[in-house]
Structure formats: structure tokens, C-alpha cells
Amino acid sequence: MLTDKNILVTGVTGQVAWPIARFLAQHNRVWGAARFADDDSRERVLAAAITPCAIDLEQGDVSSLPRNVDYVLHFAFTRGGLGDFDRAMTVNGEGTGLVLRHCAAAKAALVVSSHAIYAPNPDANFACAENGELGRSFAPWSPTSPVTKIAEEAVARFCARAFDLPVTIARLNTVYGSPGNLVSMHIRQLQAGETVKVPGAPNNHRPIHVDDMCDQVAALLAAAGVPATIVNWAGDEVVSAQHWCREAANLLGCEARVETFDLPGAQLSHIADVAKRKAITGPCKVTFDEGLRRLCAQHHQP
């Protein structure tokens, strides 16, 4: 557990970074970087005892970031449509370099990438290892993400060597436990009487609860290296979207309507090989079904 450290969290207002930043702020001095387009988001960060820093990675402005930080957690990134590749490359690729150069004196940096960079495999039970094939994946909800996350990783790997900055690149799988992630999106669809559509049967994932992510940050930072350490950040259990829809529907008293549709080029499943992550962090502490019960009770009661 990290205590009494100076920590920078970029993308602090995002669904994944926000609970981690709040957790770290309980025992550390935390700076939270984001665009802060509205006063409400800034006030929310201040209320959590986090110091807000306005940045604009598209314009290359990171001047408000502190330099005397012990650790950097870089979550900031942008999604985009088919016309947004240049902007997304600027923010996700170049922006990563600007942040890491600014904080090159840090003890370590955790750069959060995505499982979306792996090449699709027709086997729904295939587990992607860190040295596996990258690219060729199409993500209709964010076409820019797979390629610009690969760019982000390349820049982070360069920064580790160029600045002698220990880096861990964590390829994040499906996150749950907070109300803005994929599992919650599906639950809200079911509660609205809609049909959840997924590109595979089964549509497998290795979901990780935000509480486990909070618990594992310190170990992932301790594993940072030059060259950069690359690790899948995913849960211990393989769980399908069909399973979590059925279980959530049982808990909430609604119908679990799930359909499979054809999506050429997309990943049919999102299973990561987690042997390396387990060696670094140990096992997860929140079982999926328990985490799902907590999620439904806290955020999805009718």
C-alpha cells in the first residue's frame, strides 16, 4: 500500500481513474489531471482532497503538472470515431510522451493501455499473452482505440529508455464495480427492457473489480522497469457477458435478453493470460459474483 507519497493521476475524472485516485488520496498527496471543462468536475476532485491540474494533451499543454511526484498513473486518453484518428494519435500517443517527459524524475510510472490492442482470435477461449499478436482489431464503439493505444505503448516504451524512467504498461481488461463501465451499461439496458447485443457466444472477458485495481496499483508500480514491464491487468476469472446479464437479471428481477451479432474484425472475446499479473500482484480478492452483487446493490436498484 502506498502512503505519504506524491502521486499524479491523469484522466482523473474518468470512470476507471476516479475511484483509484480517491483511494490513493486517503493516504497520499494526489494531483488529478484532466481538461476540467466544467466547474462541477473540478469541485468534485477538490472535495476528494485531490489537487486539480488542468491539462490539454491535444494542444500539448502539461505546464500545470507538478514535477516533484513519486509516481505517475497515466489513465488519460481519448476515444474517437472514424474521423478522429489524427486527434486520438496526438492525445494518446504524443500526450503520453509529454506527461512522462514532464515527470521523468518520478520513481515509476504506470501507463494504462487496453486489451483492445490484441489481434482478434476465432477461439472464444483463447487467452492473449503479453507477447501475443497485436493489431487488426476493430472496435466499433471507438475505432481509434486499438491503434492509438499501440502508439501509446510505443511512446511509453521509448520514454522508459530515453529518460531512464521505470514504467509498467498495464493492458486493462473489462472493469466493473463502478456505474460507468461495460457491465453496468449492460445492466442498465436490461433494466430498460432492451436487448444486450454482443459479438460472440460466449462473449468472454476477465473482468476486474475496481477494488482489486486499487489494491494492485502499488505492486504494479513496484514492478516497473527499464525496459518497460508489460502486463495484462485483468481479473482471475473468465466470465461471459451472457453470464453477468443472467446473474444481474436474477438479482434485479428483470429479463436477461442477450443476442449475438456478427461484427467482422472485432474481438469475439477478451480473455487475457494473467499468469504474469498474478506473479506481480497475487490473486484478486473480489470474486466476480460477489462483486456483481455489490454493484447491483449499490448502483442498480430499481
C-alpha atoms as a PDB file:
ATOM      1  CA  MET A   1       0.000   0.000   0.000  1.00  0.00           C
ATOM      2  CA  LEU A   2       1.285   3.465  -0.909  1.00  0.00           C
ATOM      3  CA  THR A   3       1.430   6.010   1.917  1.00  0.00           C
ATOM      4  CA  ASP A   4       2.726   9.573   2.194  1.00  0.00           C
ATOM      5  CA  LYS A   5       3.700   9.727  -1.484  1.00  0.00           C
ATOM      6  CA  ASN A   6       3.265  12.417  -4.140  1.00  0.00           C
ATOM      7  CA  ILE A   7       1.178  10.864  -6.906  1.00  0.00           C
ATOM      8  CA  LEU A   8      -0.100  12.238 -10.214  1.00  0.00           C
ATOM      9  CA  VAL A   9      -3.196  10.627 -11.739  1.00  0.00           C
ATOM     10  CA  THR A  10      -4.074  11.757 -15.267  1.00  0.00           C
ATOM     11  CA  GLY A  11      -7.576  11.326 -16.631  1.00  0.00           C
ATOM     12  CA  VAL A  12      -8.728  11.646 -13.026  1.00  0.00           C
ATOM     13  CA  THR A  13     -12.380  12.306 -13.879  1.00  0.00           C
ATOM     14  CA  GLY A  14     -12.685   9.090 -15.896  1.00  0.00           C
ATOM     15  CA  GLN A  15     -14.661   6.068 -14.746  1.00  0.00           C
ATOM     16  CA  VAL A  16     -11.548   3.974 -14.073  1.00  0.00           C
ATOM     17  CA  ALA A  17      -9.097   6.548 -12.722  1.00  0.00           C
ATOM     18  CA  TRP A  18     -11.574   8.287 -10.397  1.00  0.00           C
ATOM     19  CA  PRO A  19     -12.055   5.529  -7.776  1.00  0.00           C
ATOM     20  CA  ILE A  20      -8.324   4.780  -7.805  1.00  0.00           C
ATOM     21  CA  ALA A  21      -7.420   8.432  -7.268  1.00  0.00           C
ATOM     22  CA  ARG A  22      -9.879   8.689  -4.364  1.00  0.00           C
ATOM     23  CA  PHE A  23      -8.411   5.542  -2.831  1.00  0.00           C
ATOM     24  CA  LEU A  24      -4.863   6.855  -3.106  1.00  0.00           C
ATOM     25  CA  ALA A  25      -5.837  10.274  -1.716  1.00  0.00           C
ATOM     26  CA  GLN A  26      -6.722   8.685   1.629  1.00  0.00           C
ATOM     27  CA  HIS A  27      -3.033   8.202   2.481  1.00  0.00           C
ATOM     28  CA  ASN A  28      -1.093  10.230  -0.100  1.00  0.00           C
ATOM     29  CA  ARG A  29      -0.852  13.650  -1.730  1.00  0.00           C
ATOM     30  CA  VAL A  30      -2.601  13.258  -5.074  1.00  0.00           C
ATOM     31  CA  TRP A  31      -2.740  15.589  -8.072  1.00  0.00           C
ATOM     32  CA  GLY A  32      -5.534  14.861 -10.546  1.00  0.00           C
ATOM     33  CA  ALA A  33      -5.083  15.963 -14.151  1.00  0.00           C
ATOM     34  CA  ALA A  34      -7.914  16.392 -16.651  1.00  0.00           C
ATOM     35  CA  ARG A  35      -9.329  19.008 -19.005  1.00  0.00           C
ATOM     36  CA  PHE A  36     -11.837  20.165 -16.336  1.00  0.00           C
ATOM     37  CA  ALA A  37     -14.241  21.546 -18.901  1.00  0.00           C
ATOM     38  CA  ASP A  38     -16.783  22.350 -16.190  1.00  0.00           C
ATOM     39  CA  ASP A  39     -16.613  23.607 -12.614  1.00  0.00           C
ATOM     40  CA  ASP A  40     -18.515  20.600 -11.236  1.00  0.00           C
ATOM     41  CA  SER A  41     -15.739  18.153 -12.105  1.00  0.00           C
ATOM     42  CA  ARG A  42     -13.117  20.396 -10.525  1.00  0.00           C
ATOM     43  CA  GLU A  43     -15.179  20.761  -7.350  1.00  0.00           C
ATOM     44  CA  ARG A  44     -15.692  17.004  -7.161  1.00  0.00           C
ATOM     45  CA  VAL A  45     -11.942  16.445  -7.334  1.00  0.00           C
ATOM     46  CA  LEU A  46     -11.259  19.090  -4.691  1.00  0.00           C
ATOM     47  CA  ALA A  47     -13.876  17.530  -2.404  1.00  0.00           C
ATOM     48  CA  ALA A  48     -11.913  14.258  -2.541  1.00  0.00           C
ATOM     49  CA  ALA A  49      -8.768  16.042  -1.247  1.00  0.00           C
ATOM     50  CA  ILE A  50      -7.158  15.819  -4.709  1.00  0.00           C
ATOM     51  CA  THR A  51      -5.386  18.830  -6.231  1.00  0.00           C
ATOM     52  CA  PRO A  52      -6.805  19.507  -9.724  1.00  0.00           C
ATOM     53  CA  CYS A  53      -4.449  20.272 -12.635  1.00  0.00           C
ATOM     54  CA  ALA A  54      -5.954  21.383 -15.939  1.00  0.00           C
ATOM     55  CA  ILE A  55      -4.157  19.887 -18.942  1.00  0.00           C
ATOM     56  CA  ASP A  56      -4.820  19.811 -22.679  1.00  0.00           C
ATOM     57  CA  LEU A  57      -2.999  16.926 -24.316  1.00  0.00           C
ATOM     58  CA  GLU A  58      -4.345  17.807 -27.762  1.00  0.00           C
ATOM     59  CA  GLN A  59      -2.669  21.214 -27.524  1.00  0.00           C
ATOM     60  CA  GLY A  60       0.349  19.783 -25.720  1.00  0.00           C
ATOM     61  CA  ASP A  61      -0.194  21.810 -22.563  1.00  0.00           C
ATOM     62  CA  VAL A  62       1.039  19.992 -19.454  1.00  0.00           C
ATOM     63  CA  SER A  63       2.507  23.064 -17.751  1.00  0.00           C
ATOM     64  CA  SER A  64       0.239  22.787 -14.702  1.00  0.00           C
ATOM     65  CA  LEU A  65       1.515  19.334 -13.765  1.00  0.00           C
ATOM     66  CA  PRO A  66       3.776  19.006 -10.726  1.00  0.00           C
ATOM     67  CA  ARG A  67       7.332  17.811 -11.304  1.00  0.00           C
ATOM     68  CA  ASN A  68       8.176  16.554  -7.824  1.00  0.00           C
ATOM     69  CA  VAL A  69       5.996  13.431  -7.892  1.00  0.00           C
ATOM     70  CA  ASP A  70       6.989   9.985  -6.746  1.00  0.00           C
ATOM     71  CA  TYR A  71       4.626   8.130  -9.059  1.00  0.00           C
ATOM     72  CA  VAL A  72       2.608   8.772 -12.217  1.00  0.00           C
ATOM     73  CA  LEU A  73      -0.594   6.913 -13.075  1.00  0.00           C
ATOM     74  CA  HIS A  74      -1.401   7.788 -16.676  1.00  0.00           C
ATOM     75  CA  PHE A  75      -5.031   6.972 -17.468  1.00  0.00           C
ATOM     76  CA  ALA A  76      -5.813   9.939 -19.730  1.00  0.00           C
ATOM     77  CA  PHE A  77      -6.834   9.054 -23.272  1.00  0.00           C
ATOM     78  CA  THR A  78      -9.465   9.937 -25.822  1.00  0.00           C
ATOM     79  CA  ARG A  79     -11.862   7.788 -27.791  1.00  0.00           C
ATOM     80  CA  GLY A  80     -12.858   8.768 -31.279  1.00  0.00           C
ATOM     81  CA  GLY A  81     -14.842   7.926 -34.378  1.00  0.00           C
ATOM     82  CA  LEU A  82     -13.617   7.158 -37.868  1.00  0.00           C
ATOM     83  CA  GLY A  83     -12.707  10.795 -38.489  1.00  0.00           C
ATOM     84  CA  ASP A  84     -10.725  11.238 -35.281  1.00  0.00           C
ATOM     85  CA  PHE A  85      -7.561   9.224 -35.824  1.00  0.00           C
ATOM     86  CA  ASP A  86      -5.198  12.185 -36.045  1.00  0.00           C
ATOM     87  CA  ARG A  87      -6.547  13.816 -32.873  1.00  0.00           C
ATOM     88  CA  ALA A  88      -6.546  10.493 -30.996  1.00  0.00           C
ATOM     89  CA  MET A  89      -2.953   9.810 -32.054  1.00  0.00           C
ATOM     90  CA  THR A  90      -1.958  13.253 -30.776  1.00  0.00           C
ATOM     91  CA  VAL A  91      -3.668  12.807 -27.401  1.00  0.00           C
ATOM     92  CA  ASN A  92      -2.972   9.137 -26.768  1.00  0.00           C
ATOM     93  CA  GLY A  93       0.455   8.856 -28.345  1.00  0.00           C
ATOM     94  CA  GLU A  94       2.157  12.237 -28.136  1.00  0.00           C
ATOM     95  CA  GLY A  95       0.301  13.146 -24.930  1.00  0.00           C
ATOM     96  CA  THR A  96       1.785  10.143 -23.144  1.00  0.00           C
ATOM     97  CA  GLY A  97       5.261  11.289 -24.079  1.00  0.00           C
ATOM     98  CA  LEU A  98       4.606  14.843 -22.892  1.00  0.00           C
ATOM     99  CA  VAL A  99       3.365  13.634 -19.493  1.00  0.00           C
ATOM    100  CA  LEU A 100       6.235  11.202 -18.962  1.00  0.00           C
ATOM    101  CA  ARG A 101       8.860  13.713 -20.075  1.00  0.00           C
ATOM    102  CA  HIS A 102       7.430  16.299 -17.664  1.00  0.00           C
ATOM    103  CA  CYS A 103       7.572  13.770 -14.809  1.00  0.00           C
ATOM    104  CA  ALA A 104      10.748  11.971 -15.846  1.00  0.00           C
ATOM    105  CA  ALA A 105      12.228  12.296 -12.348  1.00  0.00           C
ATOM    106  CA  ALA A 106       9.486  10.108 -10.850  1.00  0.00           C
ATOM    107  CA  LYS A 107      10.335   6.802  -9.218  1.00  0.00           C
ATOM    108  CA  ALA A 108       7.985   4.944 -11.572  1.00  0.00           C
ATOM    109  CA  ALA A 109       5.048   5.369 -13.932  1.00  0.00           C
ATOM    110  CA  LEU A 110       2.029   3.167 -14.597  1.00  0.00           C
ATOM    111  CA  VAL A 111       0.709   3.676 -18.137  1.00  0.00           C
ATOM    112  CA  VAL A 112      -2.722   2.165 -18.666  1.00  0.00           C
ATOM    113  CA  SER A 113      -3.208   0.578 -22.071  1.00  0.00           C
ATOM    114  CA  SER A 114      -6.003  -1.728 -23.230  1.00  0.00           C
ATOM    115  CA  HIS A 115      -6.746  -5.341 -24.085  1.00  0.00           C
ATOM    116  CA  ALA A 116      -8.238  -3.891 -27.291  1.00  0.00           C
ATOM    117  CA  ILE A 117      -4.779  -3.849 -28.880  1.00  0.00           C
ATOM    118  CA  TYR A 118      -4.686  -7.656 -29.229  1.00  0.00           C
ATOM    119  CA  ALA A 119      -5.458  -9.222 -32.577  1.00  0.00           C
ATOM    120  CA  PRO A 120      -8.846 -10.987 -32.746  1.00  0.00           C
ATOM    121  CA  ASN A 121      -8.901 -14.777 -32.438  1.00  0.00           C
ATOM    122  CA  PRO A 122     -11.794 -17.027 -33.538  1.00  0.00           C
ATOM    123  CA  ASP A 123     -11.407 -19.167 -30.394  1.00  0.00           C
ATOM    124  CA  ALA A 124     -13.634 -17.669 -27.695  1.00  0.00           C
ATOM    125  CA  ASN A 125     -11.435 -19.294 -25.034  1.00  0.00           C
ATOM    126  CA  PHE A 126      -8.098 -18.067 -26.369  1.00  0.00           C
ATOM    127  CA  ALA A 127      -6.068 -16.210 -23.721  1.00  0.00           C
ATOM    128  CA  CYS A 128      -3.917 -13.349 -25.002  1.00  0.00           C
ATOM    129  CA  ALA A 129      -0.400 -13.308 -23.556  1.00  0.00           C
ATOM    130  CA  GLU A 130       1.722 -10.184 -23.299  1.00  0.00           C
ATOM    131  CA  ASN A 131       3.966 -11.343 -26.168  1.00  0.00           C
ATOM    132  CA  GLY A 132       0.957 -12.148 -28.370  1.00  0.00           C
ATOM    133  CA  GLU A 133      -0.129 -10.750 -31.711  1.00  0.00           C
ATOM    134  CA  LEU A 134      -1.216  -7.112 -31.765  1.00  0.00           C
ATOM    135  CA  GLY A 135      -3.364  -5.120 -34.152  1.00  0.00           C
ATOM    136  CA  ARG A 136      -6.086  -5.947 -36.707  1.00  0.00           C
ATOM    137  CA  SER A 137      -8.858  -5.450 -34.137  1.00  0.00           C
ATOM    138  CA  PHE A 138     -11.902  -3.304 -34.926  1.00  0.00           C
ATOM    139  CA  ALA A 139     -13.764  -1.638 -32.073  1.00  0.00           C
ATOM    140  CA  PRO A 140     -16.941  -0.004 -33.439  1.00  0.00           C
ATOM    141  CA  TRP A 141     -17.589   1.942 -30.212  1.00  0.00           C
ATOM    142  CA  SER A 142     -14.136   3.549 -30.555  1.00  0.00           C
ATOM    143  CA  PRO A 143     -12.369   2.768 -33.851  1.00  0.00           C
ATOM    144  CA  THR A 144      -9.333   4.831 -32.856  1.00  0.00           C
ATOM    145  CA  SER A 145      -8.621   2.991 -29.621  1.00  0.00           C
ATOM    146  CA  PRO A 146      -6.736  -0.151 -30.755  1.00  0.00           C
ATOM    147  CA  VAL A 147      -4.202   1.588 -32.980  1.00  0.00           C
ATOM    148  CA  THR A 148      -3.663   4.645 -30.775  1.00  0.00           C
ATOM    149  CA  LYS A 149      -3.224   2.501 -27.676  1.00  0.00           C
ATOM    150  CA  ILE A 150      -0.449   0.685 -29.538  1.00  0.00           C
ATOM    151  CA  ALA A 151       1.044   4.111 -30.262  1.00  0.00           C
ATOM    152  CA  GLU A 152       0.743   4.993 -26.574  1.00  0.00           C
ATOM    153  CA  GLU A 153       2.634   1.844 -25.620  1.00  0.00           C
ATOM    154  CA  ALA A 154       5.388   2.562 -28.128  1.00  0.00           C
ATOM    155  CA  VAL A 155       5.850   6.072 -26.755  1.00  0.00           C
ATOM    156  CA  ALA A 156       5.841   4.809 -23.154  1.00  0.00           C
ATOM    157  CA  ARG A 157       8.464   2.185 -24.013  1.00  0.00           C
ATOM    158  CA  PHE A 158      10.621   4.876 -25.600  1.00  0.00           C
ATOM    159  CA  CYS A 159      10.254   7.147 -22.571  1.00  0.00           C
ATOM    160  CA  ALA A 160      11.375   4.387 -20.208  1.00  0.00           C
ATOM    161  CA  ARG A 161      14.625   4.030 -22.139  1.00  0.00           C
ATOM    162  CA  ALA A 162      15.148   7.692 -23.042  1.00  0.00           C
ATOM    163  CA  PHE A 163      14.540   9.079 -19.543  1.00  0.00           C
ATOM    164  CA  ASP A 164      15.637   6.037 -17.520  1.00  0.00           C
ATOM    165  CA  LEU A 165      12.122   6.104 -16.062  1.00  0.00           C
ATOM    166  CA  PRO A 166      10.814   2.768 -14.736  1.00  0.00           C
ATOM    167  CA  VAL A 167       7.497   2.091 -16.474  1.00  0.00           C
ATOM    168  CA  THR A 168       4.777  -0.525 -16.208  1.00  0.00           C
ATOM    169  CA  ILE A 169       2.389  -0.738 -19.155  1.00  0.00           C
ATOM    170  CA  ALA A 170      -0.833  -2.377 -17.969  1.00  0.00           C
ATOM    171  CA  ARG A 171      -3.203  -3.687 -20.639  1.00  0.00           C
ATOM    172  CA  LEU A 172      -6.556  -3.208 -18.981  1.00  0.00           C
ATOM    173  CA  ASN A 173      -9.355  -5.708 -19.462  1.00  0.00           C
ATOM    174  CA  THR A 174     -13.034  -5.215 -18.577  1.00  0.00           C
ATOM    175  CA  VAL A 175     -13.516  -3.119 -15.430  1.00  0.00           C
ATOM    176  CA  TYR A 176     -16.567  -3.326 -13.177  1.00  0.00           C
ATOM    177  CA  GLY A 177     -17.656  -2.122  -9.775  1.00  0.00           C
ATOM    178  CA  SER A 178     -18.436   1.464 -10.708  1.00  0.00           C
ATOM    179  CA  PRO A 179     -21.559   2.575 -12.597  1.00  0.00           C
ATOM    180  CA  GLY A 180     -19.986   3.731 -15.852  1.00  0.00           C
ATOM    181  CA  ASN A 181     -18.319   0.559 -17.105  1.00  0.00           C
ATOM    182  CA  LEU A 182     -19.397  -2.172 -19.538  1.00  0.00           C
ATOM    183  CA  VAL A 183     -21.118  -4.458 -17.022  1.00  0.00           C
ATOM    184  CA  SER A 184     -23.197  -1.548 -15.711  1.00  0.00           C
ATOM    185  CA  MET A 185     -24.028  -0.430 -19.242  1.00  0.00           C
ATOM    186  CA  HIS A 186     -25.442  -3.881 -19.948  1.00  0.00           C
ATOM    187  CA  ILE A 187     -27.379  -3.891 -16.666  1.00  0.00           C
ATOM    188  CA  ARG A 188     -28.985  -0.547 -17.482  1.00  0.00           C
ATOM    189  CA  GLN A 189     -30.025  -1.918 -20.866  1.00  0.00           C
ATOM    190  CA  LEU A 190     -31.671  -4.932 -19.237  1.00  0.00           C
ATOM    191  CA  GLN A 191     -33.465  -2.745 -16.702  1.00  0.00           C
ATOM    192  CA  ALA A 192     -34.784  -0.612 -19.560  1.00  0.00           C
ATOM    193  CA  GLY A 193     -36.199  -3.702 -21.265  1.00  0.00           C
ATOM    194  CA  GLU A 194     -33.630  -3.584 -24.055  1.00  0.00           C
ATOM    195  CA  THR A 195     -31.669  -6.428 -25.626  1.00  0.00           C
ATOM    196  CA  VAL A 196     -27.922  -6.579 -24.962  1.00  0.00           C
ATOM    197  CA  LYS A 197     -26.031  -7.332 -28.170  1.00  0.00           C
ATOM    198  CA  VAL A 198     -22.555  -8.874 -28.060  1.00  0.00           C
ATOM    199  CA  PRO A 199     -20.265 -10.125 -30.860  1.00  0.00           C
ATOM    200  CA  GLY A 200     -19.730 -13.665 -29.584  1.00  0.00           C
ATOM    201  CA  ALA A 201     -21.390 -16.583 -27.821  1.00  0.00           C
ATOM    202  CA  PRO A 202     -19.856 -16.833 -25.345  1.00  0.00           C
ATOM    203  CA  ASN A 203     -18.532 -13.283 -25.209  1.00  0.00           C
ATOM    204  CA  ASN A 204     -15.812 -13.970 -22.639  1.00  0.00           C
ATOM    205  CA  HIS A 205     -13.893 -11.466 -20.531  1.00  0.00           C
ATOM    206  CA  ARG A 206     -11.635 -11.422 -17.487  1.00  0.00           C
ATOM    207  CA  PRO A 207     -13.363  -8.616 -15.559  1.00  0.00           C
ATOM    208  CA  ILE A 208     -11.525  -6.922 -12.716  1.00  0.00           C
ATOM    209  CA  HIS A 209     -13.228  -5.095  -9.852  1.00  0.00           C
ATOM    210  CA  VAL A 210     -12.147  -1.524  -9.110  1.00  0.00           C
ATOM    211  CA  ASP A 211     -11.344  -2.562  -5.526  1.00  0.00           C
ATOM    212  CA  ASP A 212      -8.803  -5.077  -6.817  1.00  0.00           C
ATOM    213  CA  MET A 213      -7.349  -2.425  -9.092  1.00  0.00           C
ATOM    214  CA  CYS A 214      -6.872  -0.114  -6.119  1.00  0.00           C
ATOM    215  CA  ASP A 215      -5.220  -2.944  -4.212  1.00  0.00           C
ATOM    216  CA  GLN A 216      -2.846  -3.799  -7.075  1.00  0.00           C
ATOM    217  CA  VAL A 217      -1.547  -0.332  -8.014  1.00  0.00           C
ATOM    218  CA  ALA A 218       1.386  -0.417  -5.584  1.00  0.00           C
ATOM    219  CA  ALA A 219       2.621  -3.801  -6.813  1.00  0.00           C
ATOM    220  CA  LEU A 220       2.341  -2.776 -10.474  1.00  0.00           C
ATOM    221  CA  LEU A 221       4.398   0.347  -9.765  1.00  0.00           C
ATOM    222  CA  ALA A 222       6.971  -1.700  -7.862  1.00  0.00           C
ATOM    223  CA  ALA A 223       7.308  -3.954 -10.935  1.00  0.00           C
ATOM    224  CA  ALA A 224       8.120  -1.028 -13.249  1.00  0.00           C
ATOM    225  CA  GLY A 225      11.334  -1.342 -15.179  1.00  0.00           C
ATOM    226  CA  VAL A 226      13.640  -0.151 -17.944  1.00  0.00           C
ATOM    227  CA  PRO A 227      12.819  -1.520 -20.500  1.00  0.00           C
ATOM    228  CA  ALA A 228       9.157  -1.151 -19.602  1.00  0.00           C
ATOM    229  CA  THR A 229       7.320  -4.005 -17.900  1.00  0.00           C
ATOM    230  CA  ILE A 230       4.251  -5.071 -19.887  1.00  0.00           C
ATOM    231  CA  VAL A 231       1.447  -6.902 -18.101  1.00  0.00           C
ATOM    232  CA  ASN A 232      -2.208  -7.762 -18.615  1.00  0.00           C
ATOM    233  CA  TRP A 233      -4.351  -6.037 -15.974  1.00  0.00           C
ATOM    234  CA  ALA A 234      -7.327  -8.355 -15.712  1.00  0.00           C
ATOM    235  CA  GLY A 235      -9.251 -10.423 -13.196  1.00  0.00           C
ATOM    236  CA  ASP A 236      -8.677 -14.050 -12.274  1.00  0.00           C
ATOM    237  CA  GLU A 237     -11.980 -15.447 -13.585  1.00  0.00           C
ATOM    238  CA  VAL A 238     -13.230 -15.917 -17.130  1.00  0.00           C
ATOM    239  CA  VAL A 239     -16.777 -14.537 -17.200  1.00  0.00           C
ATOM    240  CA  SER A 240     -19.046 -14.119 -20.204  1.00  0.00           C
ATOM    241  CA  ALA A 241     -21.350 -11.188 -20.869  1.00  0.00           C
ATOM    242  CA  GLN A 242     -24.128 -13.776 -21.074  1.00  0.00           C
ATOM    243  CA  HIS A 243     -23.335 -14.853 -17.502  1.00  0.00           C
ATOM    244  CA  TRP A 244     -23.308 -11.394 -15.963  1.00  0.00           C
ATOM    245  CA  CYS A 245     -26.531 -10.478 -17.748  1.00  0.00           C
ATOM    246  CA  ARG A 246     -28.272 -13.597 -16.410  1.00  0.00           C
ATOM    247  CA  GLU A 247     -26.972 -13.080 -12.878  1.00  0.00           C
ATOM    248  CA  ALA A 248     -27.800  -9.367 -12.811  1.00  0.00           C
ATOM    249  CA  ALA A 249     -31.292 -10.051 -14.147  1.00  0.00           C
ATOM    250  CA  ASN A 250     -31.863 -12.608 -11.380  1.00  0.00           C
ATOM    251  CA  LEU A 251     -30.675 -10.122  -8.757  1.00  0.00           C
ATOM    252  CA  LEU A 252     -32.751  -7.234 -10.067  1.00  0.00           C
ATOM    253  CA  GLY A 253     -35.886  -9.027 -11.243  1.00  0.00           C
ATOM    254  CA  CYS A 254     -35.685  -8.208 -14.943  1.00  0.00           C
ATOM    255  CA  GLU A 255     -35.370 -10.253 -18.111  1.00  0.00           C
ATOM    256  CA  ALA A 256     -31.939 -11.214 -19.453  1.00  0.00           C
ATOM    257  CA  ARG A 257     -32.217 -10.682 -23.186  1.00  0.00           C
ATOM    258  CA  VAL A 258     -28.876 -11.161 -24.926  1.00  0.00           C
ATOM    259  CA  GLU A 259     -28.301 -11.570 -28.657  1.00  0.00           C
ATOM    260  CA  THR A 260     -25.186 -12.311 -30.686  1.00  0.00           C
ATOM    261  CA  PHE A 261     -24.477 -10.318 -33.821  1.00  0.00           C
ATOM    262  CA  ASP A 262     -21.823 -10.589 -36.496  1.00  0.00           C
ATOM    263  CA  LEU A 263     -19.082  -7.978 -36.264  1.00  0.00           C
ATOM    264  CA  PRO A 264     -16.224  -8.720 -38.678  1.00  0.00           C
ATOM    265  CA  GLY A 265     -12.809  -7.782 -37.355  1.00  0.00           C
ATOM    266  CA  ALA A 266     -13.900  -7.439 -33.728  1.00  0.00           C
ATOM    267  CA  GLN A 267     -12.591  -9.433 -30.790  1.00  0.00           C
ATOM    268  CA  LEU A 268     -15.195 -12.099 -30.020  1.00  0.00           C
ATOM    269  CA  SER A 269     -13.806 -12.499 -26.510  1.00  0.00           C
ATOM    270  CA  HIS A 270     -11.461 -10.581 -24.229  1.00  0.00           C
ATOM    271  CA  ILE A 271      -9.559 -13.213 -22.268  1.00  0.00           C
ATOM    272  CA  ALA A 272      -6.133 -12.187 -21.029  1.00  0.00           C
ATOM    273  CA  ASP A 273      -3.436 -14.530 -19.782  1.00  0.00           C
ATOM    274  CA  VAL A 274      -2.978 -13.331 -16.198  1.00  0.00           C
ATOM    275  CA  ALA A 275      -0.078 -15.505 -15.041  1.00  0.00           C
ATOM    276  CA  LYS A 276       2.343 -12.570 -15.121  1.00  0.00           C
ATOM    277  CA  ARG A 277      -0.040 -10.254 -13.284  1.00  0.00           C
ATOM    278  CA  LYS A 278      -0.642 -12.860 -10.573  1.00  0.00           C
ATOM    279  CA  ALA A 279       3.111 -13.199 -10.095  1.00  0.00           C
ATOM    280  CA  ILE A 280       3.310  -9.432  -9.545  1.00  0.00           C
ATOM    281  CA  THR A 281       0.155  -8.722  -7.520  1.00  0.00           C
ATOM    282  CA  GLY A 282      -1.037 -12.047  -6.166  1.00  0.00           C
ATOM    283  CA  PRO A 283      -4.633 -13.197  -6.701  1.00  0.00           C
ATOM    284  CA  CYS A 284      -7.636 -10.912  -6.850  1.00  0.00           C
ATOM    285  CA  LYS A 285      -9.644 -10.581  -3.654  1.00  0.00           C
ATOM    286  CA  VAL A 286     -13.113  -9.888  -5.077  1.00  0.00           C
ATOM    287  CA  THR A 287     -14.837 -12.835  -6.754  1.00  0.00           C
ATOM    288  CA  PHE A 288     -16.892 -11.833  -9.751  1.00  0.00           C
ATOM    289  CA  ASP A 289     -20.292 -12.934  -8.472  1.00  0.00           C
ATOM    290  CA  GLU A 290     -19.730 -11.150  -5.151  1.00  0.00           C
ATOM    291  CA  GLY A 291     -18.579  -8.022  -6.958  1.00  0.00           C
ATOM    292  CA  LEU A 292     -21.633  -8.175  -9.200  1.00  0.00           C
ATOM    293  CA  ARG A 293     -23.951  -8.447  -6.184  1.00  0.00           C
ATOM    294  CA  ARG A 294     -22.300  -5.398  -4.648  1.00  0.00           C
ATOM    295  CA  LEU A 295     -22.545  -3.482  -7.932  1.00  0.00           C
ATOM    296  CA  CYS A 296     -26.263  -4.225  -8.300  1.00  0.00           C
ATOM    297  CA  ALA A 297     -26.988  -3.339  -4.678  1.00  0.00           C
ATOM    298  CA  GLN A 298     -25.044  -0.063  -4.776  1.00  0.00           C
ATOM    299  CA  HIS A 299     -25.846   1.296  -8.225  1.00  0.00           C
ATOM    300  CA  HIS A 300     -28.702  -0.553  -9.928  1.00  0.00           C
ATOM    301  CA  GLN A 301     -31.572  -0.967  -7.512  1.00  0.00           C
ATOM    302  CA  PRO A 302     -34.903  -0.137  -9.215  1.00  0.00           C
END
